[in-house]
Amino acid sequence: MPMSVLLSRNTKPGNCTVTICHSKTLDIASFTRKADIIVAALGVPEFLKGDMVKPGAVVIDVGITREPTKETKSGYRLKGDVKFDEVAPKCSFITPVPGGVGPMTIIGLLQNTLLAAKKAIYNSN
């Protein structure tokens, strides 16, 4: 399910007021500065800057882009949608790129695979 739907469901955790913005939303910073939780998934490297985040916010960086560089053996560097060095000092929590949401996604997939193998997800309790 999309994160916006999961956060807005009338459950615990959940029950959030959710605003969805596009990378072309006019004055997007006016929305992000009010947010307690920001899920950045735009596909634009380092889009979210430090001045766009309120102190104490939680920032989840879902974006991942390969940028060419001569500084690494692979010839590229992975960048997220958040300018980590600017945003991290303001946050109560932030996910890094790489190494943030990827491992959680793998854990979720493995957990669902195990439940499916046990036929536990098919119980209608």
C-alpha atoms as a PDB file:
ATOM      1  CA  MET A   1       0.000   0.000   0.000  1.00  0.00           C
ATOM      2  CA  PRO A   2       1.184   3.536  -0.600  1.00  0.00           C
ATOM      3  CA  MET A   3       2.626   5.196   2.494  1.00  0.00           C
ATOM      4  CA  SER A   4       0.013   7.963   2.254  1.00  0.00           C
ATOM      5  CA  VAL A   5      -2.794   5.417   2.627  1.00  0.00           C
ATOM      6  CA  LEU A   6      -1.073   3.585   5.488  1.00  0.00           C
ATOM      7  CA  LEU A   7      -0.551   6.829   7.414  1.00  0.00           C
ATOM      8  CA  SER A   8      -4.108   8.060   6.868  1.00  0.00           C
ATOM      9  CA  ARG A   9      -5.916   4.860   7.919  1.00  0.00           C
ATOM     10  CA  ASN A  10      -7.937   5.042  11.122  1.00  0.00           C
ATOM     11  CA  THR A  11      -5.599   2.668  12.962  1.00  0.00           C
ATOM     12  CA  LYS A  12      -2.761   2.803  15.422  1.00  0.00           C
ATOM     13  CA  PRO A  13      -0.233   3.655  14.142  1.00  0.00           C
ATOM     14  CA  GLY A  14      -1.935   5.884  11.615  1.00  0.00           C
ATOM     15  CA  ASN A  15      -4.677   8.451  11.924  1.00  0.00           C
ATOM     16  CA  CYS A  16      -2.482  11.092  10.276  1.00  0.00           C
ATOM     17  CA  THR A  17      -3.547  14.038   8.196  1.00  0.00           C
ATOM     18  CA  VAL A  18      -1.728  13.443   4.911  1.00  0.00           C
ATOM     19  CA  THR A  19      -0.800  15.990   2.260  1.00  0.00           C
ATOM     20  CA  ILE A  20       0.581  14.716  -1.035  1.00  0.00           C
ATOM     21  CA  CYS A  21       2.832  17.061  -2.983  1.00  0.00           C
ATOM     22  CA  HIS A  22       4.404  16.674  -6.394  1.00  0.00           C
ATOM     23  CA  SER A  23       7.917  17.866  -7.246  1.00  0.00           C
ATOM     24  CA  LYS A  24       6.233  20.644  -9.250  1.00  0.00           C
ATOM     25  CA  THR A  25       3.903  21.729  -6.414  1.00  0.00           C
ATOM     26  CA  LEU A  26       4.078  25.514  -6.142  1.00  0.00           C
ATOM     27  CA  ASP A  27       5.878  26.602  -2.962  1.00  0.00           C
ATOM     28  CA  ILE A  28       6.361  23.021  -1.815  1.00  0.00           C
ATOM     29  CA  ALA A  29       8.490  24.281   1.085  1.00  0.00           C
ATOM     30  CA  SER A  30       5.393  25.858   2.668  1.00  0.00           C
ATOM     31  CA  PHE A  31       3.976  22.322   2.998  1.00  0.00           C
ATOM     32  CA  THR A  32       7.171  20.574   4.089  1.00  0.00           C
ATOM     33  CA  ARG A  33       7.922  23.174   6.794  1.00  0.00           C
ATOM     34  CA  LYS A  34       4.627  22.273   8.502  1.00  0.00           C
ATOM     35  CA  ALA A  35       5.076  18.493   8.290  1.00  0.00           C
ATOM     36  CA  ASP A  36       5.901  16.288  11.263  1.00  0.00           C
ATOM     37  CA  ILE A  37       6.752  13.409   8.906  1.00  0.00           C
ATOM     38  CA  ILE A  38       8.137  13.839   5.389  1.00  0.00           C
ATOM     39  CA  VAL A  39       8.381  10.896   3.012  1.00  0.00           C
ATOM     40  CA  ALA A  40      10.564  12.061   0.119  1.00  0.00           C
ATOM     41  CA  ALA A  41      10.036   9.968  -3.002  1.00  0.00           C
ATOM     42  CA  LEU A  42      10.452  12.368  -5.911  1.00  0.00           C
ATOM     43  CA  GLY A  43      13.380  10.910  -7.822  1.00  0.00           C
ATOM     44  CA  VAL A  44      15.172  14.261  -7.722  1.00  0.00           C
ATOM     45  CA  PRO A  45      18.572  14.046  -5.991  1.00  0.00           C
ATOM     46  CA  GLU A  46      18.918  16.284  -2.920  1.00  0.00           C
ATOM     47  CA  PHE A  47      15.583  18.020  -3.599  1.00  0.00           C
ATOM     48  CA  LEU A  48      14.657  18.489   0.075  1.00  0.00           C
ATOM     49  CA  LYS A  49      16.977  21.072   1.646  1.00  0.00           C
ATOM     50  CA  GLY A  50      17.557  22.088   5.254  1.00  0.00           C
ATOM     51  CA  ASP A  51      15.428  25.241   5.040  1.00  0.00           C
ATOM     52  CA  MET A  52      12.440  23.125   3.928  1.00  0.00           C
ATOM     53  CA  VAL A  53      12.209  21.094   7.167  1.00  0.00           C
ATOM     54  CA  LYS A  54      10.979  22.110  10.594  1.00  0.00           C
ATOM     55  CA  PRO A  55      13.035  21.183  13.665  1.00  0.00           C
ATOM     56  CA  GLY A  56      12.212  17.755  15.077  1.00  0.00           C
ATOM     57  CA  ALA A  57      10.611  16.393  11.908  1.00  0.00           C
ATOM     58  CA  VAL A  58      10.982  12.763  10.851  1.00  0.00           C
ATOM     59  CA  VAL A  59      12.331  12.437   7.305  1.00  0.00           C
ATOM     60  CA  ILE A  60      12.104   9.190   5.347  1.00  0.00           C
ATOM     61  CA  ASP A  61      14.184   9.342   2.180  1.00  0.00           C
ATOM     62  CA  VAL A  62      12.817   6.796  -0.298  1.00  0.00           C
ATOM     63  CA  GLY A  63      14.514   8.236  -3.380  1.00  0.00           C
ATOM     64  CA  ILE A  64      17.681   6.758  -4.832  1.00  0.00           C
ATOM     65  CA  THR A  65      19.523   8.060  -7.875  1.00  0.00           C
ATOM     66  CA  ARG A  66      22.874   7.087  -9.359  1.00  0.00           C
ATOM     67  CA  GLU A  67      25.043  10.098 -10.091  1.00  0.00           C
ATOM     68  CA  PRO A  68      28.230   9.695 -12.109  1.00  0.00           C
ATOM     69  CA  THR A  69      31.463  10.470 -10.275  1.00  0.00           C
ATOM     70  CA  LYS A  70      35.149   9.836 -10.776  1.00  0.00           C
ATOM     71  CA  GLU A  71      35.652   9.605  -6.995  1.00  0.00           C
ATOM     72  CA  THR A  72      34.422   6.013  -6.642  1.00  0.00           C
ATOM     73  CA  LYS A  73      35.550   2.733  -8.151  1.00  0.00           C
ATOM     74  CA  SER A  74      32.041   1.995  -9.442  1.00  0.00           C
ATOM     75  CA  GLY A  75      31.897   5.306 -11.306  1.00  0.00           C
ATOM     76  CA  TYR A  76      28.742   6.477  -9.542  1.00  0.00           C
ATOM     77  CA  ARG A  77      27.485   7.640  -6.161  1.00  0.00           C
ATOM     78  CA  LEU A  78      24.025   6.964  -4.741  1.00  0.00           C
ATOM     79  CA  LYS A  79      22.082  10.062  -3.734  1.00  0.00           C
ATOM     80  CA  GLY A  80      18.726  10.348  -2.030  1.00  0.00           C
ATOM     81  CA  ASP A  81      15.999  12.936  -2.483  1.00  0.00           C
ATOM     82  CA  VAL A  82      17.118  14.643   0.740  1.00  0.00           C
ATOM     83  CA  LYS A  83      20.255  16.773   1.124  1.00  0.00           C
ATOM     84  CA  PHE A  84      21.296  14.697   4.111  1.00  0.00           C
ATOM     85  CA  ASP A  85      24.043  16.950   5.528  1.00  0.00           C
ATOM     86  CA  GLU A  86      21.678  19.946   5.697  1.00  0.00           C
ATOM     87  CA  VAL A  87      18.530  18.154   6.844  1.00  0.00           C
ATOM     88  CA  ALA A  88      19.881  15.615   9.366  1.00  0.00           C
ATOM     89  CA  PRO A  89      20.833  18.124  12.102  1.00  0.00           C
ATOM     90  CA  LYS A  90      17.244  19.431  12.172  1.00  0.00           C
ATOM     91  CA  CYS A  91      15.527  16.028  12.348  1.00  0.00           C
ATOM     92  CA  SER A  92      14.538  13.806  15.223  1.00  0.00           C
ATOM     93  CA  PHE A  93      15.005  10.883  12.805  1.00  0.00           C
ATOM     94  CA  ILE A  94      16.190  10.540   9.195  1.00  0.00           C
ATOM     95  CA  THR A  95      16.865   7.563   6.943  1.00  0.00           C
ATOM     96  CA  PRO A  96      20.166   7.565   5.059  1.00  0.00           C
ATOM     97  CA  VAL A  97      20.724   6.695   1.394  1.00  0.00           C
ATOM     98  CA  PRO A  98      21.963   4.082   0.864  1.00  0.00           C
ATOM     99  CA  GLY A  99      21.061   1.845   3.800  1.00  0.00           C
ATOM    100  CA  GLY A 100      17.783   3.375   4.967  1.00  0.00           C
ATOM    101  CA  VAL A 101      14.496   2.040   3.653  1.00  0.00           C
ATOM    102  CA  GLY A 102      16.035  -0.711   1.489  1.00  0.00           C
ATOM    103  CA  PRO A 103      16.805  -3.086   4.379  1.00  0.00           C
ATOM    104  CA  MET A 104      13.319  -2.460   5.836  1.00  0.00           C
ATOM    105  CA  THR A 105      11.747  -3.325   2.485  1.00  0.00           C
ATOM    106  CA  ILE A 106      13.692  -6.591   2.352  1.00  0.00           C
ATOM    107  CA  ILE A 107      12.650  -7.464   5.919  1.00  0.00           C
ATOM    108  CA  GLY A 108       8.999  -6.791   5.039  1.00  0.00           C
ATOM    109  CA  LEU A 109       9.214  -8.986   1.939  1.00  0.00           C
ATOM    110  CA  LEU A 110      10.852 -11.818   3.877  1.00  0.00           C
ATOM    111  CA  GLN A 111       8.283 -11.561   6.663  1.00  0.00           C
ATOM    112  CA  ASN A 112       5.404 -11.703   4.162  1.00  0.00           C
ATOM    113  CA  THR A 113       7.043 -14.661   2.388  1.00  0.00           C
ATOM    114  CA  LEU A 114       7.315 -16.533   5.694  1.00  0.00           C
ATOM    115  CA  LEU A 115       3.690 -15.776   6.594  1.00  0.00           C
ATOM    116  CA  ALA A 116       2.569 -16.926   3.141  1.00  0.00           C
ATOM    117  CA  ALA A 117       4.560 -20.166   3.477  1.00  0.00           C
ATOM    118  CA  LYS A 118       2.881 -20.813   6.834  1.00  0.00           C
ATOM    119  CA  LYS A 119      -0.452 -19.868   5.214  1.00  0.00           C
ATOM    120  CA  ALA A 120      -0.808 -17.417   8.126  1.00  0.00           C
ATOM    121  CA  ILE A 121      -1.873 -14.501   5.948  1.00  0.00           C
ATOM    122  CA  TYR A 122      -4.867 -16.443   4.673  1.00  0.00           C
ATOM    123  CA  ASN A 123      -6.475 -16.844   8.085  1.00  0.00           C
ATOM    124  CA  SER A 124      -9.635 -14.785   8.369  1.00  0.00           C
ATOM    125  CA  ASN A 125      -9.469 -14.144  12.120  1.00  0.00           C
END
